[in-house]
Amino acid sequence: MTELLTVSGLSITARLPNRDLRLLDKVDLDVRKGEVLGVVGESGSGKTTLARSIVGLLERNVRIDGGSISLMGEQIVAPGLDRSAQVRGSALGMVFQDASRSLNPLMKVRTHLAEVLRRHVPGIDKQDIRRRSVEVLEHMRITDTARVLDSYPHQLSGGLRQRVAIGLAVVTRPSLVIADECTTALDVTTQAKVVELFRTLVDELGIGLLFVTHDLMLASDLCDRIAVMRAGRVVEEGNVTEVLDHPEQDYTRLLLAAIPTWK
């Protein structure tokens, strides 16, 4: 596999009124072509900070203290360096937790897709925009593409909105997609469909996927490898079967023990 994303010794600090708070502490990880890396951990472990640092969407009071982030061998983030805007939306796609907030309620789906394509695919014409808009919705396993393209977000179900949001992230054919807790607001059945969709996209398109979640069961269904985060550090990483079936860290065992069971 070819490494798409490399995070090396990444340290991030938030400036608060009375003190500095370390959010990430020397984080190392990588995502390879055609692979799903799951980043798991409880709330506050640093998962979302890691995801947002890759796409360059950190808050103003947050700074990169050390380390770097590289995409396809090119450094895009380091102390005093942020080239993420140059690759965001083109080589790097992002799916947020709440599709409703990532979609403009006043724009139809076709307008969302067209806007992304015009911004990130130089020279694309109207015919190609129409063709690729239909193609990406078909990749999302949406059968009634004409209706969805002419719909506003509020006219779609939560599952369809999330599929459209994923479509927006992959319509430019990026090499890597970051999905940050993007199944949290969905019911269990829809979550399973989204996970299946992600797996298909990775296998068919050969993209890399960084899947951020607190749900270890979802991670076990989708991911090839898992990185467990705690207090801003990666405390365990490895093959999904090894980590979940034979965890080395007590913290990982506690996370697994917290999964509800039914008898």
Protein backbone atom coordinates (compact mmCIF):
# COMPACT_ATOMS: atom_id res chain seq x y z
CA MET A 1 0.00 0.00 0.00
CA THR A 2 1.09 3.58 -0.70
CA GLU A 3 1.06 6.01 2.23
CA LEU A 4 -1.25 8.94 1.58
CA LEU A 5 -1.24 10.66 4.95
CA THR A 6 1.65 10.83 7.39
CA VAL A 7 1.31 12.51 10.77
CA SER A 8 4.67 12.78 12.54
CA GLY A 9 5.10 13.95 16.13
CA LEU A 10 2.14 16.32 15.91
CA SER A 11 1.68 18.50 19.00
CA ILE A 12 -1.11 21.07 19.30
CA THR A 13 -1.91 23.55 22.08
CA ALA A 14 -4.96 25.71 22.79
CA ARG A 15 -4.43 29.15 24.32
CA LEU A 16 -6.93 29.69 27.14
CA PRO A 17 -7.40 32.88 29.22
CA ASN A 18 -5.40 31.59 32.18
CA ARG A 19 -3.28 28.78 30.74
CA ASP A 20 -2.29 26.73 27.73
CA LEU A 21 -3.92 23.34 27.19
CA ARG A 22 -2.13 20.59 25.29
CA LEU A 23 -4.63 18.98 22.89
CA LEU A 24 -2.32 16.65 20.97
CA ASP A 25 1.00 15.35 22.21
CA LYS A 26 3.46 13.91 19.65
CA VAL A 27 0.89 12.01 17.60
CA ASP A 28 2.19 9.63 14.93
CA LEU A 29 0.01 7.79 12.42
CA ASP A 30 -0.44 7.14 8.72
CA VAL A 31 -3.18 6.23 6.27
CA ARG A 32 -2.43 4.20 3.16
CA LYS A 33 -4.08 4.01 -0.24
CA GLY A 34 -7.11 1.72 -0.18
CA GLU A 35 -7.13 1.55 3.63
CA VAL A 36 -9.44 2.65 6.43
CA LEU A 37 -7.76 3.81 9.62
CA GLY A 38 -10.13 4.20 12.54
CA VAL A 39 -9.29 6.76 15.23
CA VAL A 40 -11.20 5.88 18.39
CA GLY A 41 -11.39 7.17 21.93
CA GLU A 42 -13.69 8.87 24.39
CA SER A 43 -14.82 12.49 24.10
CA GLY A 44 -11.91 14.86 24.69
CA SER A 45 -9.27 12.35 23.60
CA GLY A 46 -8.16 14.54 20.69
CA LYS A 47 -9.83 12.73 17.78
CA THR A 48 -11.61 15.74 16.31
CA THR A 49 -8.63 18.04 16.91
CA LEU A 50 -6.52 15.62 14.87
CA ALA A 51 -9.09 15.53 12.05
CA ARG A 52 -9.49 19.31 11.94
CA SER A 53 -5.73 19.87 11.98
CA ILE A 54 -5.36 17.79 8.82
CA VAL A 55 -7.93 19.84 6.90
CA GLY A 56 -6.78 23.17 8.37
CA LEU A 57 -9.90 23.99 10.35
CA LEU A 58 -8.50 24.56 13.82
CA GLU A 59 -9.85 27.36 15.99
CA ARG A 60 -7.94 30.66 16.09
CA ASN A 61 -6.68 30.07 19.62
CA VAL A 62 -5.15 26.71 18.65
CA ARG A 63 -1.57 26.43 17.38
CA ILE A 64 0.70 23.73 15.99
CA ASP A 65 3.64 23.40 18.40
CA GLY A 66 5.59 20.62 16.76
CA GLY A 67 5.61 17.83 14.22
CA SER A 68 4.09 17.80 10.75
CA ILE A 69 1.37 16.46 8.47
CA SER A 70 2.18 15.30 4.94
CA LEU A 71 -0.19 14.33 2.14
CA MET A 72 1.22 12.15 -0.65
CA GLY A 73 4.73 13.03 0.47
CA GLU A 74 4.18 16.79 0.50
CA GLN A 75 4.22 18.58 3.84
CA ILE A 76 1.01 20.55 4.31
CA VAL A 77 1.03 21.39 8.04
CA ALA A 78 3.87 22.21 10.44
CA PRO A 79 4.66 25.00 12.93
CA GLY A 80 4.31 28.21 10.92
CA LEU A 81 3.13 26.32 7.82
CA ASP A 82 -0.44 25.62 6.65
CA ARG A 83 -0.98 24.53 3.05
CA SER A 84 -4.12 22.55 3.84
CA ALA A 85 -6.36 25.04 2.01
CA GLN A 86 -4.51 24.20 -1.21
CA VAL A 87 -5.53 20.52 -1.03
CA ARG A 88 -8.80 20.73 0.91
CA GLY A 89 -11.72 19.90 -1.36
CA SER A 90 -9.50 18.57 -4.15
CA ALA A 91 -6.95 16.00 -2.93
CA LEU A 92 -8.48 15.94 0.54
CA GLY A 93 -12.20 15.52 1.31
CA MET A 94 -14.01 16.02 4.63
CA VAL A 95 -17.29 14.62 5.97
CA PHE A 96 -18.55 16.35 9.12
CA GLN A 97 -20.64 14.98 11.95
CA ASP A 98 -23.88 16.77 11.08
CA ALA A 99 -24.79 16.79 7.38
CA SER A 100 -27.48 19.40 8.01
CA ARG A 101 -24.83 21.90 9.11
CA SER A 102 -22.53 21.18 6.19
CA LEU A 103 -25.30 21.72 3.60
CA ASN A 104 -26.72 25.15 2.75
CA PRO A 105 -30.50 24.95 3.33
CA LEU A 106 -31.09 27.48 0.54
CA MET A 107 -29.25 25.48 -2.12
CA LYS A 108 -30.39 22.43 -4.04
CA VAL A 109 -28.14 19.37 -4.08
CA ARG A 110 -27.17 19.98 -7.71
CA THR A 111 -25.99 23.49 -6.79
CA HIS A 112 -23.89 22.15 -3.91
CA LEU A 113 -22.17 19.67 -6.22
CA ALA A 114 -21.68 22.21 -9.00
CA GLU A 115 -20.14 24.74 -6.61
CA VAL A 116 -17.62 22.19 -5.30
CA LEU A 117 -16.69 21.03 -8.79
CA ARG A 118 -16.25 24.56 -10.16
CA ARG A 119 -14.09 25.54 -7.22
CA HIS A 120 -11.77 22.53 -7.26
CA VAL A 121 -11.76 21.19 -10.84
CA PRO A 122 -10.28 23.88 -13.13
CA GLY A 123 -11.89 24.19 -16.54
CA ILE A 124 -14.80 21.85 -15.90
CA ASP A 125 -17.82 22.59 -18.10
CA LYS A 126 -21.56 22.31 -17.46
CA GLN A 127 -21.88 18.95 -19.18
CA ASP A 128 -19.13 17.39 -17.07
CA ILE A 129 -20.65 18.90 -13.92
CA ARG A 130 -24.00 17.27 -14.70
CA ARG A 131 -22.37 13.95 -15.54
CA ARG A 132 -20.17 13.83 -12.44
CA SER A 133 -23.03 14.96 -10.19
CA VAL A 134 -25.15 12.03 -11.34
CA GLU A 135 -22.21 9.63 -11.14
CA VAL A 136 -21.33 10.53 -7.57
CA LEU A 137 -24.92 10.11 -6.38
CA GLU A 138 -25.00 6.72 -8.07
CA HIS A 139 -21.79 5.86 -6.18
CA MET A 140 -23.68 6.82 -3.04
CA ARG A 141 -26.22 4.09 -3.95
CA ILE A 142 -28.89 6.73 -4.61
CA THR A 143 -31.29 5.46 -7.28
CA ASP A 144 -33.59 8.47 -7.76
CA THR A 145 -30.77 10.85 -8.67
CA ALA A 146 -32.99 13.34 -10.55
CA ARG A 147 -35.21 13.89 -7.51
CA VAL A 148 -32.28 14.21 -5.12
CA LEU A 149 -30.41 16.65 -7.37
CA ASP A 150 -33.46 18.92 -7.45
CA SER A 151 -34.09 18.66 -3.70
CA TYR A 152 -33.18 21.04 -0.90
CA PRO A 153 -31.51 19.42 2.14
CA HIS A 154 -34.65 19.62 4.30
CA GLN A 155 -36.54 17.57 1.71
CA LEU A 156 -34.23 14.59 2.24
CA SER A 157 -34.03 12.08 5.06
CA GLY A 158 -31.12 12.17 7.47
CA GLY A 159 -29.53 9.18 5.76
CA LEU A 160 -29.83 10.76 2.32
CA ARG A 161 -28.39 14.05 3.58
CA GLN A 162 -25.39 12.21 4.94
CA ARG A 163 -24.93 10.37 1.64
CA VAL A 164 -25.04 13.71 -0.18
CA ALA A 165 -22.44 15.09 2.25
CA ILE A 166 -20.20 12.10 1.52
CA GLY A 167 -20.80 12.67 -2.19
CA LEU A 168 -19.62 16.27 -1.84
CA ALA A 169 -16.43 15.01 -0.21
CA VAL A 170 -15.60 12.53 -3.00
CA VAL A 171 -17.00 14.22 -6.13
CA THR A 172 -13.62 15.86 -6.83
CA ARG A 173 -11.99 12.40 -6.62
CA PRO A 174 -9.69 13.09 -3.67
CA SER A 175 -6.96 10.70 -2.57
CA LEU A 176 -7.93 10.90 1.11
CA VAL A 177 -11.21 11.45 2.96
CA ILE A 178 -11.55 12.43 6.63
CA ALA A 179 -14.84 11.39 8.26
CA ASP A 180 -15.36 12.94 11.70
CA GLU A 181 -18.09 11.20 13.74
CA CYS A 182 -20.26 11.31 10.62
CA THR A 183 -22.61 8.51 11.76
CA THR A 184 -23.37 9.89 15.23
CA ALA A 185 -26.70 11.53 14.33
CA LEU A 186 -27.98 8.51 12.38
CA ASP A 187 -30.06 5.56 13.53
CA VAL A 188 -28.41 2.13 13.76
CA THR A 189 -29.76 0.86 10.43
CA THR A 190 -28.61 3.97 8.56
CA GLN A 191 -25.22 3.82 10.31
CA ALA A 192 -24.71 0.31 8.96
CA LYS A 193 -25.58 1.47 5.43
CA VAL A 194 -23.14 4.39 5.63
CA VAL A 195 -20.37 2.08 6.88
CA GLU A 196 -21.07 -0.30 4.00
CA LEU A 197 -20.97 2.65 1.60
CA PHE A 198 -17.61 3.83 2.90
CA ARG A 199 -16.15 0.34 2.55
CA THR A 200 -17.38 0.15 -1.04
CA LEU A 201 -15.95 3.58 -1.88
CA VAL A 202 -12.55 2.66 -0.47
CA ASP A 203 -12.49 -0.64 -2.36
CA GLU A 204 -13.83 0.75 -5.66
CA LEU A 205 -12.09 4.14 -5.78
CA GLY A 206 -8.90 3.20 -3.95
CA ILE A 207 -9.09 6.21 -1.64
CA GLY A 208 -7.72 6.29 1.89
CA LEU A 209 -10.16 6.96 4.73
CA LEU A 210 -9.50 8.33 8.21
CA PHE A 211 -12.62 7.37 10.16
CA VAL A 212 -13.00 9.18 13.48
CA THR A 213 -15.50 7.59 15.85
CA HIS A 214 -16.23 6.80 19.48
CA ASP A 215 -18.10 3.64 18.38
CA LEU A 216 -15.78 0.64 18.48
CA MET A 217 -18.42 -1.65 16.96
CA LEU A 218 -18.66 0.55 13.86
CA ALA A 219 -14.88 0.72 13.70
CA SER A 220 -14.64 -3.06 13.84
CA ASP A 221 -17.04 -3.36 10.89
CA LEU A 222 -15.27 -0.81 8.68
CA CYS A 223 -11.64 -0.32 9.57
CA ASP A 224 -8.48 -2.16 8.56
CA ARG A 225 -6.40 -0.64 11.37
CA ILE A 226 -7.27 1.23 14.55
CA ALA A 227 -5.48 3.97 16.50
CA VAL A 228 -6.72 4.39 20.07
CA MET A 229 -6.39 7.93 21.46
CA ARG A 230 -6.37 9.06 25.07
CA ALA A 231 -5.62 12.56 26.39
CA GLY A 232 -4.14 13.70 23.09
CA ARG A 233 -1.91 10.69 22.53
CA VAL A 234 -2.11 7.51 20.46
CA VAL A 235 -1.82 4.83 23.13
CA GLU A 236 -2.35 1.78 20.92
CA GLU A 237 -2.36 1.12 17.19
CA GLY A 238 -2.57 -1.96 15.02
CA ASN A 239 -4.64 -4.30 12.92
CA VAL A 240 -8.31 -4.05 13.87
CA THR A 241 -8.52 -7.70 14.91
CA GLU A 242 -5.37 -7.50 17.02
CA VAL A 243 -6.40 -4.32 18.81
CA LEU A 244 -9.99 -5.32 19.52
CA ASP A 245 -9.45 -9.02 20.24
CA HIS A 246 -6.09 -8.77 22.00
CA PRO A 247 -5.69 -5.21 23.34
CA GLU A 248 -2.39 -4.40 25.01
CA GLN A 249 -3.47 -1.29 26.91
CA ASP A 250 -5.78 -1.17 29.93
CA TYR A 251 -7.48 1.90 28.43
CA THR A 252 -8.41 -0.06 25.29
CA ARG A 253 -9.79 -2.85 27.47
CA LEU A 254 -11.92 -0.30 29.34
CA LEU A 255 -13.32 1.05 26.07
CA LEU A 256 -14.20 -2.47 24.96
CA ALA A 257 -15.77 -3.26 28.34
CA ALA A 258 -18.03 -0.21 27.97
CA ILE A 259 -19.69 -1.62 24.82
CA PRO A 260 -23.29 -2.63 25.70
CA THR A 261 -24.10 -6.33 25.44
CA TRP A 262 -27.46 -8.04 25.16
CA LYS A 263 -28.19 -11.46 26.62
